[in-house]
């Protein structure tokens, strides 16, 4: 089973490397990324991560059209052999119950085309004025209740996206 992470990023140099490492750790095999006009060191991070392998990225300085960009990334991941795709925002971290994400997804019935999972948003403490990796330690929970997000599995018998 191959799990792909889909990301659209802009000016995420301070958090992108940590995010990719975390999601590799829980079982995402490859990442498909669009850099949508970053002006910080995000491009350098993507080049470095791509050289390590498992990160496919391109730059698109055009308008931010999330649905079209995500669909494009999902199609690329599907052509790259992904069985499941997971939307990952640079400031969101998927958390499992300690099991590898692939193990959790293997347990899903074959007729399930998508799953929903809780997403808890965290924000930087107001006193943090500069972006740096250690700033992650000062993040606070934004809302008491999670918002939904999803994971999608490609179904070969259904129309491809």
Foldseek 3Di string as FASTA:
>chain_A
DAEEEEEEDAQLVQQQVVQVVLLVVQAHQAYEYEDQQHPDCPVVVQVVVVVVPRYHYDYHPDDDDPVVRRLVSQVVVVVVPHQKYFYDYSQWHDDDPPHRPVVVVVPDDPVDFKDKDFTWGWDFDPPDDDRHNVSVVRIDTDDPGTDIDMMGGDDPVDDRD
